[in-house]
Amino acid sequence: MLRAVTAITFAAAMFLGNASFAEAQPAPAGKQMAVNYADLNISRPAGAEVLITRMRAAAAQVCGPAPDMRDLVMYRFYRQCIAESVERGVATVNAPVVTEVYRGNTTVVAAAAE
């Protein structure tokens, strides 16, 4: 299994700037950031949680900068970009414990840790 690096890529539907919804332009697709997890044991819940935290931080950078929270439309796109990017990262890693921790399925994770 490839353990070294996974990439976080943001969705082309992410919009940039403070333009109104009708004037918003899509960001260029394919922007990504590598997330190293060679130092983690992702077959354990603790390692999976650290990896997901790293993925969220990378996605926030790739999808950012964060818009003003008062701009509800842009902020929704920003949060959606992060969520979709992390979801793709989890799928790319393709590790059962990471997937279950990401989904919040702690019962399965607890059984796997034993």
PDB file of N, CA and C in Angstrom:
ATOM      1  N   MET A   1       0.845  -1.173   0.000  1.00  0.00           N
ATOM      2  CA  MET A   1       0.000   0.000   0.000  1.00  0.00           C
ATOM      3  C   MET A   1       0.893   1.240   0.000  1.00  0.00           C
ATOM      4  N   LEU A   2       0.558   2.213  -0.783  1.00  0.00           N
ATOM      5  CA  LEU A   2       1.290   3.476  -0.821  1.00  0.00           C
ATOM      6  C   LEU A   2       1.023   4.240   0.464  1.00  0.00           C
ATOM      7  N   ARG A   3       2.087   4.467   1.260  1.00  0.00           N
ATOM      8  CA  ARG A   3       1.924   5.112   2.556  1.00  0.00           C
ATOM      9  C   ARG A   3       2.531   6.510   2.587  1.00  0.00           C
ATOM     10  N   ALA A   4       3.234   6.892   1.584  1.00  0.00           N
ATOM     11  CA  ALA A   4       4.024   8.113   1.675  1.00  0.00           C
ATOM     12  C   ALA A   4       3.197   9.386   1.606  1.00  0.00           C
ATOM     13  N   VAL A   5       2.430   9.560   0.572  1.00  0.00           N
ATOM     14  CA  VAL A   5       1.795  10.850   0.351  1.00  0.00           C
ATOM     15  C   VAL A   5       0.456  10.672  -0.346  1.00  0.00           C
ATOM     16  N   THR A   6      -0.504  11.491   0.020  1.00  0.00           N
ATOM     17  CA  THR A   6      -1.741  11.585  -0.724  1.00  0.00           C
ATOM     18  C   THR A   6      -1.931  13.055  -1.067  1.00  0.00           C
ATOM     19  N   ALA A   7      -2.703  13.359  -2.054  1.00  0.00           N
ATOM     20  CA  ALA A   7      -2.882  14.746  -2.473  1.00  0.00           C
ATOM     21  C   ALA A   7      -4.320  15.182  -2.237  1.00  0.00           C
ATOM     22  N   ILE A   8      -4.459  16.424  -1.829  1.00  0.00           N
ATOM     23  CA  ILE A   8      -5.768  17.032  -1.644  1.00  0.00           C
ATOM     24  C   ILE A   8      -5.995  17.941  -2.850  1.00  0.00           C
ATOM     25  N   THR A   9      -7.081  17.728  -3.561  1.00  0.00           N
ATOM     26  CA  THR A   9      -7.394  18.519  -4.741  1.00  0.00           C
ATOM     27  C   THR A   9      -8.737  19.191  -4.543  1.00  0.00           C
ATOM     28  N   PHE A  10      -8.834  20.449  -4.910  1.00  0.00           N
ATOM     29  CA  PHE A  10     -10.110  21.113  -4.702  1.00  0.00           C
ATOM     30  C   PHE A  10     -10.984  21.047  -5.937  1.00  0.00           C
ATOM     31  N   ALA A  11     -12.263  21.187  -5.725  1.00  0.00           N
ATOM     32  CA  ALA A  11     -13.251  21.062  -6.800  1.00  0.00           C
ATOM     33  C   ALA A  11     -13.242  22.284  -7.701  1.00  0.00           C
ATOM     34  N   ALA A  12     -13.463  22.062  -8.969  1.00  0.00           N
ATOM     35  CA  ALA A  12     -13.502  23.165  -9.931  1.00  0.00           C
ATOM     36  C   ALA A  12     -14.690  24.076  -9.678  1.00  0.00           C
ATOM     37  N   ALA A  13     -15.655  23.606  -8.944  1.00  0.00           N
ATOM     38  CA  ALA A  13     -16.836  24.422  -8.657  1.00  0.00           C
ATOM     39  C   ALA A  13     -16.573  25.463  -7.573  1.00  0.00           C
ATOM     40  N   MET A  14     -15.421  25.407  -6.929  1.00  0.00           N
ATOM     41  CA  MET A  14     -15.097  26.385  -5.885  1.00  0.00           C
ATOM     42  C   MET A  14     -14.970  27.764  -6.519  1.00  0.00           C
ATOM     43  N   PHE A  15     -15.598  28.741  -5.918  1.00  0.00           N
ATOM     44  CA  PHE A  15     -15.561  30.089  -6.453  1.00  0.00           C
ATOM     45  C   PHE A  15     -14.650  30.961  -5.608  1.00  0.00           C
ATOM     46  N   LEU A  16     -13.969  31.904  -6.248  1.00  0.00           N
ATOM     47  CA  LEU A  16     -13.031  32.786  -5.564  1.00  0.00           C
ATOM     48  C   LEU A  16     -13.543  34.217  -5.522  1.00  0.00           C
ATOM     49  N   GLY A  17     -12.971  35.001  -4.616  1.00  0.00           N
ATOM     50  CA  GLY A  17     -13.244  36.427  -4.567  1.00  0.00           C
ATOM     51  C   GLY A  17     -14.522  36.764  -3.841  1.00  0.00           C
ATOM     52  N   ASN A  18     -14.873  38.035  -3.875  1.00  0.00           N
ATOM     53  CA  ASN A  18     -16.067  38.517  -3.196  1.00  0.00           C
ATOM     54  C   ASN A  18     -17.184  38.832  -4.183  1.00  0.00           C
ATOM     55  N   ALA A  19     -17.101  38.269  -5.369  1.00  0.00           N
ATOM     56  CA  ALA A  19     -18.138  38.514  -6.372  1.00  0.00           C
ATOM     57  C   ALA A  19     -19.445  37.889  -5.921  1.00  0.00           C
ATOM     58  N   SER A  20     -20.529  38.438  -6.419  1.00  0.00           N
ATOM     59  CA  SER A  20     -21.822  37.845  -6.093  1.00  0.00           C
ATOM     60  C   SER A  20     -21.926  36.484  -6.761  1.00  0.00           C
ATOM     61  N   PHE A  21     -22.904  35.708  -6.360  1.00  0.00           N
ATOM     62  CA  PHE A  21     -23.072  34.363  -6.900  1.00  0.00           C
ATOM     63  C   PHE A  21     -23.150  34.384  -8.428  1.00  0.00           C
ATOM     64  N   ALA A  22     -23.885  35.304  -8.990  1.00  0.00           N
ATOM     65  CA  ALA A  22     -24.058  35.358 -10.444  1.00  0.00           C
ATOM     66  C   ALA A  22     -22.765  35.736 -11.149  1.00  0.00           C
ATOM     67  N   GLU A  23     -21.894  36.499 -10.498  1.00  0.00           N
ATOM     68  CA  GLU A  23     -20.662  36.958 -11.130  1.00  0.00           C
ATOM     69  C   GLU A  23     -19.455  36.088 -10.796  1.00  0.00           C
ATOM     70  N   ALA A  24     -19.611  35.119  -9.909  1.00  0.00           N
ATOM     71  CA  ALA A  24     -18.471  34.329  -9.448  1.00  0.00           C
ATOM     72  C   ALA A  24     -17.863  33.521 -10.584  1.00  0.00           C
ATOM     73  N   GLN A  25     -16.553  33.446 -10.581  1.00  0.00           N
ATOM     74  CA  GLN A  25     -15.831  32.688 -11.593  1.00  0.00           C
ATOM     75  C   GLN A  25     -15.261  31.425 -10.956  1.00  0.00           C
ATOM     76  N   PRO A  26     -15.328  30.299 -11.641  1.00  0.00           N
ATOM     77  CA  PRO A  26     -14.754  29.085 -11.070  1.00  0.00           C
ATOM     78  C   PRO A  26     -13.237  29.203 -10.989  1.00  0.00           C
ATOM     79  N   ALA A  27     -12.676  28.610  -9.951  1.00  0.00           N
ATOM     80  CA  ALA A  27     -11.226  28.582  -9.786  1.00  0.00           C
ATOM     81  C   ALA A  27     -10.640  27.542 -10.722  1.00  0.00           C
ATOM     82  N   PRO A  28      -9.366  27.688 -11.082  1.00  0.00           N
ATOM     83  CA  PRO A  28      -8.750  26.676 -11.939  1.00  0.00           C
ATOM     84  C   PRO A  28      -8.724  25.317 -11.243  1.00  0.00           C
ATOM     85  N   ALA A  29      -9.053  24.285 -11.969  1.00  0.00           N
ATOM     86  CA  ALA A  29      -9.095  22.935 -11.392  1.00  0.00           C
ATOM     87  C   ALA A  29      -7.691  22.378 -11.244  1.00  0.00           C
ATOM     88  N   GLY A  30      -7.548  21.434 -10.326  1.00  0.00           N
ATOM     89  CA  GLY A  30      -6.306  20.704 -10.222  1.00  0.00           C
ATOM     90  C   GLY A  30      -5.321  21.214  -9.195  1.00  0.00           C
ATOM     91  N   LYS A  31      -5.634  22.242  -8.447  1.00  0.00           N
ATOM     92  CA  LYS A  31      -4.730  22.709  -7.405  1.00  0.00           C
ATOM     93  C   LYS A  31      -4.677  21.647  -6.329  1.00  0.00           C
ATOM     94  N   GLN A  32      -3.482  21.287  -5.888  1.00  0.00           N
ATOM     95  CA  GLN A  32      -3.378  20.233  -4.896  1.00  0.00           C
ATOM     96  C   GLN A  32      -2.201  20.440  -3.960  1.00  0.00           C
ATOM     97  N   MET A  33      -2.224  19.699  -2.866  1.00  0.00           N
ATOM     98  CA  MET A  33      -1.174  19.755  -1.860  1.00  0.00           C
ATOM     99  C   MET A  33      -0.925  18.334  -1.372  1.00  0.00           C
ATOM    100  N   ALA A  34       0.325  17.960  -1.228  1.00  0.00           N
ATOM    101  CA  ALA A  34       0.675  16.634  -0.731  1.00  0.00           C
ATOM    102  C   ALA A  34       0.512  16.581   0.782  1.00  0.00           C
ATOM    103  N   VAL A  35       0.029  15.448   1.260  1.00  0.00           N
ATOM    104  CA  VAL A  35      -0.118  15.211   2.700  1.00  0.00           C
ATOM    105  C   VAL A  35       0.686  13.947   3.024  1.00  0.00           C
ATOM    106  N   ASN A  36       1.762  14.125   3.769  1.00  0.00           N
ATOM    107  CA  ASN A  36       2.629  13.001   4.111  1.00  0.00           C
ATOM    108  C   ASN A  36       2.057  12.271   5.321  1.00  0.00           C
ATOM    109  N   TYR A  37       2.019  10.946   5.228  1.00  0.00           N
ATOM    110  CA  TYR A  37       1.568  10.158   6.376  1.00  0.00           C
ATOM    111  C   TYR A  37       2.428   8.930   6.591  1.00  0.00           C
ATOM    112  N   ALA A  38       3.651   8.985   6.083  1.00  0.00           N
ATOM    113  CA  ALA A  38       4.574   7.864   6.251  1.00  0.00           C
ATOM    114  C   ALA A  38       4.893   7.620   7.721  1.00  0.00           C
ATOM    115  N   ASP A  39       4.783   8.654   8.553  1.00  0.00           N
ATOM    116  CA  ASP A  39       5.097   8.536   9.976  1.00  0.00           C
ATOM    117  C   ASP A  39       3.914   8.029  10.804  1.00  0.00           C
ATOM    118  N   LEU A  40       2.778   7.767  10.176  1.00  0.00           N
ATOM    119  CA  LEU A  40       1.575   7.369  10.904  1.00  0.00           C
ATOM    120  C   LEU A  40       1.252   5.894  10.701  1.00  0.00           C
ATOM    121  N   ASN A  41       0.691   5.284  11.721  1.00  0.00           N
ATOM    122  CA  ASN A  41       0.151   3.938  11.605  1.00  0.00           C
ATOM    123  C   ASN A  41      -1.347   4.098  11.360  1.00  0.00           C
ATOM    124  N   ILE A  42      -1.719   4.104  10.086  1.00  0.00           N
ATOM    125  CA  ILE A  42      -3.121   4.370   9.746  1.00  0.00           C
ATOM    126  C   ILE A  42      -4.013   3.137   9.907  1.00  0.00           C
ATOM    127  N   SER A  43      -3.445   2.041  10.398  1.00  0.00           N
ATOM    128  CA  SER A  43      -4.283   0.893  10.724  1.00  0.00           C
ATOM    129  C   SER A  43      -4.816   1.006  12.150  1.00  0.00           C
ATOM    130  N   ARG A  44      -4.476   2.096  12.825  1.00  0.00           N
ATOM    131  CA  ARG A  44      -4.952   2.393  14.175  1.00  0.00           C
ATOM    132  C   ARG A  44      -5.778   3.675  14.140  1.00  0.00           C
ATOM    133  N   PRO A  45      -6.812   3.768  14.961  1.00  0.00           N
ATOM    134  CA  PRO A  45      -7.657   4.966  14.966  1.00  0.00           C
ATOM    135  C   PRO A  45      -6.890   6.265  15.240  1.00  0.00           C
ATOM    136  N   ALA A  46      -5.914   6.236  16.132  1.00  0.00           N
ATOM    137  CA  ALA A  46      -5.167   7.461  16.448  1.00  0.00           C
ATOM    138  C   ALA A  46      -4.419   7.974  15.219  1.00  0.00           C
ATOM    139  N   GLY A  47      -3.786   7.066  14.470  1.00  0.00           N
ATOM    140  CA  GLY A  47      -3.087   7.467  13.249  1.00  0.00           C
ATOM    141  C   GLY A  47      -4.045   7.973  12.190  1.00  0.00           C
ATOM    142  N   ALA A  48      -5.200   7.323  12.084  1.00  0.00           N
ATOM    143  CA  ALA A  48      -6.215   7.741  11.117  1.00  0.00           C
ATOM    144  C   ALA A  48      -6.726   9.148  11.445  1.00  0.00           C
ATOM    145  N   GLU A  49      -6.936   9.422  12.728  1.00  0.00           N
ATOM    146  CA  GLU A  49      -7.411  10.750  13.133  1.00  0.00           C
ATOM    147  C   GLU A  49      -6.391  11.832  12.795  1.00  0.00           C
ATOM    148  N   VAL A  50      -5.114  11.543  13.013  1.00  0.00           N
ATOM    149  CA  VAL A  50      -4.061  12.515  12.683  1.00  0.00           C
ATOM    150  C   VAL A  50      -4.040  12.763  11.178  1.00  0.00           C
ATOM    151  N   LEU A  51      -4.151  11.703  10.390  1.00  0.00           N
ATOM    152  CA  LEU A  51      -4.160  11.860   8.932  1.00  0.00           C
ATOM    153  C   LEU A  51      -5.339  12.715   8.483  1.00  0.00           C
ATOM    154  N   ILE A  52      -6.509  12.457   9.010  1.00  0.00           N
ATOM    155  CA  ILE A  52      -7.691  13.237   8.624  1.00  0.00           C
ATOM    156  C   ILE A  52      -7.524  14.701   9.027  1.00  0.00           C
ATOM    157  N   THR A  53      -6.931  14.950  10.177  1.00  0.00           N
ATOM    158  CA  THR A  53      -6.660  16.332  10.599  1.00  0.00           C
ATOM    159  C   THR A  53      -5.704  17.003   9.619  1.00  0.00           C
ATOM    160  N   ARG A  54      -4.670  16.294   9.201  1.00  0.00           N
ATOM    161  CA  ARG A  54      -3.727  16.848   8.216  1.00  0.00           C
ATOM    162  C   ARG A  54      -4.432  17.115   6.884  1.00  0.00           C
ATOM    163  N   MET A  55      -5.308  16.205   6.484  1.00  0.00           N
ATOM    164  CA  MET A  55      -6.046  16.397   5.232  1.00  0.00           C
ATOM    165  C   MET A  55      -6.929  17.640   5.308  1.00  0.00           C
ATOM    166  N   ARG A  56      -7.600  17.837   6.442  1.00  0.00           N
ATOM    167  CA  ARG A  56      -8.470  19.016   6.595  1.00  0.00           C
ATOM    168  C   ARG A  56      -7.655  20.305   6.539  1.00  0.00           C
ATOM    169  N   ALA A  57      -6.480  20.297   7.161  1.00  0.00           N
ATOM    170  CA  ALA A  57      -5.623  21.487   7.138  1.00  0.00           C
ATOM    171  C   ALA A  57      -5.132  21.776   5.715  1.00  0.00           C
ATOM    172  N   ALA A  58      -4.747  20.733   4.993  1.00  0.00           N
ATOM    173  CA  ALA A  58      -4.299  20.909   3.611  1.00  0.00           C
ATOM    174  C   ALA A  58      -5.446  21.384   2.730  1.00  0.00           C
ATOM    175  N   ALA A  59      -6.620  20.815   2.924  1.00  0.00           N
ATOM    176  CA  ALA A  59      -7.785  21.221   2.129  1.00  0.00           C
ATOM    177  C   ALA A  59      -8.139  22.681   2.388  1.00  0.00           C
ATOM    178  N   ALA A  60      -8.033  23.119   3.635  1.00  0.00           N
ATOM    179  CA  ALA A  60      -8.331  24.523   3.956  1.00  0.00           C
ATOM    180  C   ALA A  60      -7.368  25.449   3.226  1.00  0.00           C
ATOM    181  N   GLN A  61      -6.110  25.045   3.104  1.00  0.00           N
ATOM    182  CA  GLN A  61      -5.135  25.867   2.381  1.00  0.00           C
ATOM    183  C   GLN A  61      -5.413  25.852   0.887  1.00  0.00           C
ATOM    184  N   VAL A  62      -5.700  24.679   0.346  1.00  0.00           N
ATOM    185  CA  VAL A  62      -5.946  24.539  -1.087  1.00  0.00           C
ATOM    186  C   VAL A  62      -7.230  25.258  -1.492  1.00  0.00           C
ATOM    187  N   CYS A  63      -8.241  25.174  -0.669  1.00  0.00           N
ATOM    188  CA  CYS A  63      -9.537  25.776  -0.985  1.00  0.00           C
ATOM    189  C   CYS A  63      -9.596  27.264  -0.633  1.00  0.00           C
ATOM    190  N   GLY A  64      -8.664  27.724   0.156  1.00  0.00           N
ATOM    191  CA  GLY A  64      -8.681  29.099   0.662  1.00  0.00           C
ATOM    192  C   GLY A  64      -8.193  30.114  -0.332  1.00  0.00           C
ATOM    193  N   PRO A  65      -8.152  31.325   0.114  1.00  0.00           N
ATOM    194  CA  PRO A  65      -8.357  31.739   1.494  1.00  0.00           C
ATOM    195  C   PRO A  65      -9.839  31.691   1.879  1.00  0.00           C
ATOM    196  N   ALA A  66     -10.049  31.537   3.164  1.00  0.00           N
ATOM    197  CA  ALA A  66     -11.424  31.461   3.666  1.00  0.00           C
ATOM    198  C   ALA A  66     -12.130  32.788   3.444  1.00  0.00           C
ATOM    199  N   PRO A  67     -13.322  32.751   2.891  1.00  0.00           N
ATOM    200  CA  PRO A  67     -14.085  33.995   2.712  1.00  0.00           C
ATOM    201  C   PRO A  67     -14.656  34.468   4.044  1.00  0.00           C
ATOM    202  N   ASP A  68     -15.103  35.679   4.059  1.00  0.00           N
ATOM    203  CA  ASP A  68     -15.769  36.235   5.242  1.00  0.00           C
ATOM    204  C   ASP A  68     -16.996  35.375   5.535  1.00  0.00           C
ATOM    205  N   MET A  69     -17.150  34.976   6.780  1.00  0.00           N
ATOM    206  CA  MET A  69     -18.286  34.120   7.154  1.00  0.00           C
ATOM    207  C   MET A  69     -19.627  34.793   6.908  1.00  0.00           C
ATOM    208  N   ARG A  70     -19.640  36.098   6.818  1.00  0.00           N
ATOM    209  CA  ARG A  70     -20.896  36.816   6.553  1.00  0.00           C
ATOM    210  C   ARG A  70     -21.331  36.662   5.105  1.00  0.00           C
ATOM    211  N   ASP A  71     -20.396  36.292   4.234  1.00  0.00           N
ATOM    212  CA  ASP A  71     -20.729  36.017   2.838  1.00  0.00           C
ATOM    213  C   ASP A  71     -21.131  34.549   2.754  1.00  0.00           C
ATOM    214  N   LEU A  72     -22.390  34.287   3.044  1.00  0.00           N
ATOM    215  CA  LEU A  72     -22.866  32.924   3.223  1.00  0.00           C
ATOM    216  C   LEU A  72     -22.692  32.036   1.996  1.00  0.00           C
ATOM    217  N   VAL A  73     -22.872  32.597   0.815  1.00  0.00           N
ATOM    218  CA  VAL A  73     -22.746  31.798  -0.404  1.00  0.00           C
ATOM    219  C   VAL A  73     -21.296  31.357  -0.586  1.00  0.00           C
ATOM    220  N   MET A  74     -20.368  32.296  -0.485  1.00  0.00           N
ATOM    221  CA  MET A  74     -18.963  31.972  -0.677  1.00  0.00           C
ATOM    222  C   MET A  74     -18.454  31.052   0.438  1.00  0.00           C
ATOM    223  N   TYR A  75     -18.915  31.286   1.651  1.00  0.00           N
ATOM    224  CA  TYR A  75     -18.485  30.452   2.760  1.00  0.00           C
ATOM    225  C   TYR A  75     -18.994  29.019   2.590  1.00  0.00           C
ATOM    226  N   ARG A  76     -20.198  28.871   2.063  1.00  0.00           N
ATOM    227  CA  ARG A  76     -20.735  27.533   1.794  1.00  0.00           C
ATOM    228  C   ARG A  76     -19.875  26.808   0.759  1.00  0.00           C
ATOM    229  N   PHE A  77     -19.469  27.509  -0.309  1.00  0.00           N
ATOM    230  CA  PHE A  77     -18.607  26.902  -1.320  1.00  0.00           C
ATOM    231  C   PHE A  77     -17.259  26.503  -0.725  1.00  0.00           C
ATOM    232  N   TYR A  78     -16.716  27.339   0.136  1.00  0.00           N
ATOM    233  CA  TYR A  78     -15.444  27.059   0.786  1.00  0.00           C
ATOM    234  C   TYR A  78     -15.543  25.793   1.639  1.00  0.00           C
ATOM    235  N   ARG A  79     -16.566  25.695   2.469  1.00  0.00           N
ATOM    236  CA  ARG A  79     -16.753  24.518   3.330  1.00  0.00           C
ATOM    237  C   ARG A  79     -17.003  23.257   2.490  1.00  0.00           C
ATOM    238  N   GLN A  80     -17.754  23.405   1.408  1.00  0.00           N
ATOM    239  CA  GLN A  80     -18.020  22.276   0.522  1.00  0.00           C
ATOM    240  C   GLN A  80     -16.729  21.811  -0.141  1.00  0.00           C
ATOM    241  N   CYS A  81     -15.888  22.748  -0.541  1.00  0.00           N
ATOM    242  CA  CYS A  81     -14.603  22.419  -1.142  1.00  0.00           C
ATOM    243  C   CYS A  81     -13.760  21.598  -0.176  1.00  0.00           C
ATOM    244  N   ILE A  82     -13.701  22.023   1.070  1.00  0.00           N
ATOM    245  CA  ILE A  82     -12.926  21.292   2.080  1.00  0.00           C
ATOM    246  C   ILE A  82     -13.487  19.885   2.256  1.00  0.00           C
ATOM    247  N   ALA A  83     -14.787  19.783   2.422  1.00  0.00           N
ATOM    248  CA  ALA A  83     -15.420  18.479   2.645  1.00  0.00           C
ATOM    249  C   ALA A  83     -15.164  17.526   1.477  1.00  0.00           C
ATOM    250  N   GLU A  84     -15.337  18.002   0.255  1.00  0.00           N
ATOM    251  CA  GLU A  84     -15.133  17.152  -0.914  1.00  0.00           C
ATOM    252  C   GLU A  84     -13.666  16.767  -1.073  1.00  0.00           C
ATOM    253  N   SER A  85     -12.771  17.688  -0.773  1.00  0.00           N
ATOM    254  CA  SER A  85     -11.341  17.408  -0.884  1.00  0.00           C
ATOM    255  C   SER A  85     -10.914  16.337   0.114  1.00  0.00           C
ATOM    256  N   VAL A  86     -11.376  16.454   1.350  1.00  0.00           N
ATOM    257  CA  VAL A  86     -11.022  15.456   2.370  1.00  0.00           C
ATOM    258  C   VAL A  86     -11.633  14.109   2.001  1.00  0.00           C
ATOM    259  N   GLU A  87     -12.852  14.123   1.527  1.00  0.00           N
ATOM    260  CA  GLU A  87     -13.494  12.869   1.132  1.00  0.00           C
ATOM    261  C   GLU A  87     -12.711  12.167   0.027  1.00  0.00           C
ATOM    262  N   ARG A  88     -12.247  12.945  -0.966  1.00  0.00           N
ATOM    263  CA  ARG A  88     -11.430  12.353  -2.038  1.00  0.00           C
ATOM    264  C   ARG A  88     -10.101  11.850  -1.493  1.00  0.00           C
ATOM    265  N   GLY A  89      -9.506  12.582  -0.551  1.00  0.00           N
ATOM    266  CA  GLY A  89      -8.255  12.144   0.057  1.00  0.00           C
ATOM    267  C   GLY A  89      -8.417  10.836   0.805  1.00  0.00           C
ATOM    268  N   VAL A  90      -9.490  10.714   1.557  1.00  0.00           N
ATOM    269  CA  VAL A  90      -9.772   9.475   2.299  1.00  0.00           C
ATOM    270  C   VAL A  90      -9.959   8.319   1.309  1.00  0.00           C
ATOM    271  N   ALA A  91     -10.670   8.566   0.232  1.00  0.00           N
ATOM    272  CA  ALA A  91     -10.881   7.521  -0.779  1.00  0.00           C
ATOM    273  C   ALA A  91      -9.561   7.121  -1.437  1.00  0.00           C
ATOM    274  N   THR A  92      -8.692   8.081  -1.663  1.00  0.00           N
ATOM    275  CA  THR A  92      -7.400   7.808  -2.292  1.00  0.00           C
ATOM    276  C   THR A  92      -6.516   6.945  -1.397  1.00  0.00           C
ATOM    277  N   VAL A  93      -6.513   7.226  -0.111  1.00  0.00           N
ATOM    278  CA  VAL A  93      -5.719   6.442   0.834  1.00  0.00           C
ATOM    279  C   VAL A  93      -6.223   5.001   0.863  1.00  0.00           C
ATOM    280  N   ASN A  94      -7.532   4.832   0.783  1.00  0.00           N
ATOM    281  CA  ASN A  94      -8.153   3.507   0.694  1.00  0.00           C
ATOM    282  C   ASN A  94      -7.732   2.593   1.844  1.00  0.00           C
ATOM    283  N   ALA A  95      -7.814   3.109   3.060  1.00  0.00           N
ATOM    284  CA  ALA A  95      -7.500   2.323   4.256  1.00  0.00           C
ATOM    285  C   ALA A  95      -8.775   2.196   5.082  1.00  0.00           C
ATOM    286  N   PRO A  96      -9.179   0.985   5.418  1.00  0.00           N
ATOM    287  CA  PRO A  96     -10.453   0.790   6.118  1.00  0.00           C
ATOM    288  C   PRO A  96     -10.602   1.591   7.408  1.00  0.00           C
ATOM    289  N   VAL A  97      -9.563   1.652   8.235  1.00  0.00           N
ATOM    290  CA  VAL A  97      -9.680   2.370   9.511  1.00  0.00           C
ATOM    291  C   VAL A  97      -9.825   3.865   9.259  1.00  0.00           C
ATOM    292  N   VAL A  98      -9.087   4.404   8.292  1.00  0.00           N
ATOM    293  CA  VAL A  98      -9.209   5.833   7.969  1.00  0.00           C
ATOM    294  C   VAL A  98     -10.627   6.128   7.498  1.00  0.00           C
ATOM    295  N   THR A  99     -11.159   5.284   6.643  1.00  0.00           N
ATOM    296  CA  THR A  99     -12.522   5.468   6.139  1.00  0.00           C
ATOM    297  C   THR A  99     -13.536   5.437   7.273  1.00  0.00           C
ATOM    298  N   GLU A 100     -13.412   4.479   8.175  1.00  0.00           N
ATOM    299  CA  GLU A 100     -14.374   4.371   9.274  1.00  0.00           C
ATOM    300  C   GLU A 100     -14.246   5.540  10.251  1.00  0.00           C
ATOM    301  N   VAL A 101     -13.028   5.975  10.543  1.00  0.00           N
ATOM    302  CA  VAL A 101     -12.856   7.143  11.428  1.00  0.00           C
ATOM    303  C   VAL A 101     -13.461   8.375  10.770  1.00  0.00           C
ATOM    304  N   TYR A 102     -13.225   8.544   9.480  1.00  0.00           N
ATOM    305  CA  TYR A 102     -13.781   9.688   8.748  1.00  0.00           C
ATOM    306  C   TYR A 102     -15.308   9.672   8.785  1.00  0.00           C
ATOM    307  N   ARG A 103     -15.893   8.504   8.656  1.00  0.00           N
ATOM    308  CA  ARG A 103     -17.357   8.372   8.672  1.00  0.00           C
ATOM    309  C   ARG A 103     -17.934   8.467  10.084  1.00  0.00           C
ATOM    310  N   GLY A 104     -17.057   8.421  11.080  1.00  0.00           N
ATOM    311  CA  GLY A 104     -17.522   8.508  12.458  1.00  0.00           C
ATOM    312  C   GLY A 104     -18.033   7.202  13.011  1.00  0.00           C
ATOM    313  N   ASN A 105     -17.667   6.115  12.356  1.00  0.00           N
ATOM    314  CA  ASN A 105     -18.133   4.794  12.780  1.00  0.00           C
ATOM    315  C   ASN A 105     -17.177   4.241  13.835  1.00  0.00           C
ATOM    316  N   THR A 106     -17.330   4.706  15.065  1.00  0.00           N
ATOM    317  CA  THR A 106     -16.400   4.351  16.138  1.00  0.00           C
ATOM    318  C   THR A 106     -16.547   2.915  16.606  1.00  0.00           C
ATOM    319  N   THR A 107     -17.684   2.292  16.400  1.00  0.00           N
ATOM    320  CA  THR A 107     -17.869   0.893  16.816  1.00  0.00           C
ATOM    321  C   THR A 107     -16.946  -0.023  16.018  1.00  0.00           C
ATOM    322  N   VAL A 108     -16.913   0.158  14.707  1.00  0.00           N
ATOM    323  CA  VAL A 108     -16.059  -0.651  13.850  1.00  0.00           C
ATOM    324  C   VAL A 108     -14.597  -0.351  14.148  1.00  0.00           C
ATOM    325  N   VAL A 109     -14.275   0.923  14.352  1.00  0.00           N
ATOM    326  CA  VAL A 109     -12.896   1.321  14.634  1.00  0.00           C
ATOM    327  C   VAL A 109     -12.418   0.707  15.933  1.00  0.00           C
ATOM    328  N   ALA A 110     -13.255   0.712  16.962  1.00  0.00           N
ATOM    329  CA  ALA A 110     -12.884   0.133  18.257  1.00  0.00           C
ATOM    330  C   ALA A 110     -12.618  -1.360  18.111  1.00  0.00           C
ATOM    331  N   ALA A 111     -13.417  -2.049  17.335  1.00  0.00           N
ATOM    332  CA  ALA A 111     -13.214  -3.484  17.106  1.00  0.00           C
ATOM    333  C   ALA A 111     -11.923  -3.741  16.340  1.00  0.00           C
ATOM    334  N   ALA A 112     -11.598  -2.883  15.395  1.00  0.00           N
ATOM    335  CA  ALA A 112     -10.383  -3.045  14.595  1.00  0.00           C
ATOM    336  C   ALA A 112      -9.133  -2.791  15.428  1.00  0.00           C
ATOM    337  N   ALA A 113      -9.246  -1.937  16.439  1.00  0.00           N
ATOM    338  CA  ALA A 113      -8.095  -1.585  17.269  1.00  0.00           C
ATOM    339  C   ALA A 113      -7.734  -2.687  18.249  1.00  0.00           C
ATOM    340  N   GLU A 114      -8.635  -3.599  18.500  1.00  0.00           N
ATOM    341  CA  GLU A 114      -8.390  -4.662  19.483  1.00  0.00           C
ATOM    342  C   GLU A 114      -7.560  -5.780  18.920  1.00  0.00           C
TER     343      GLU A 114
END
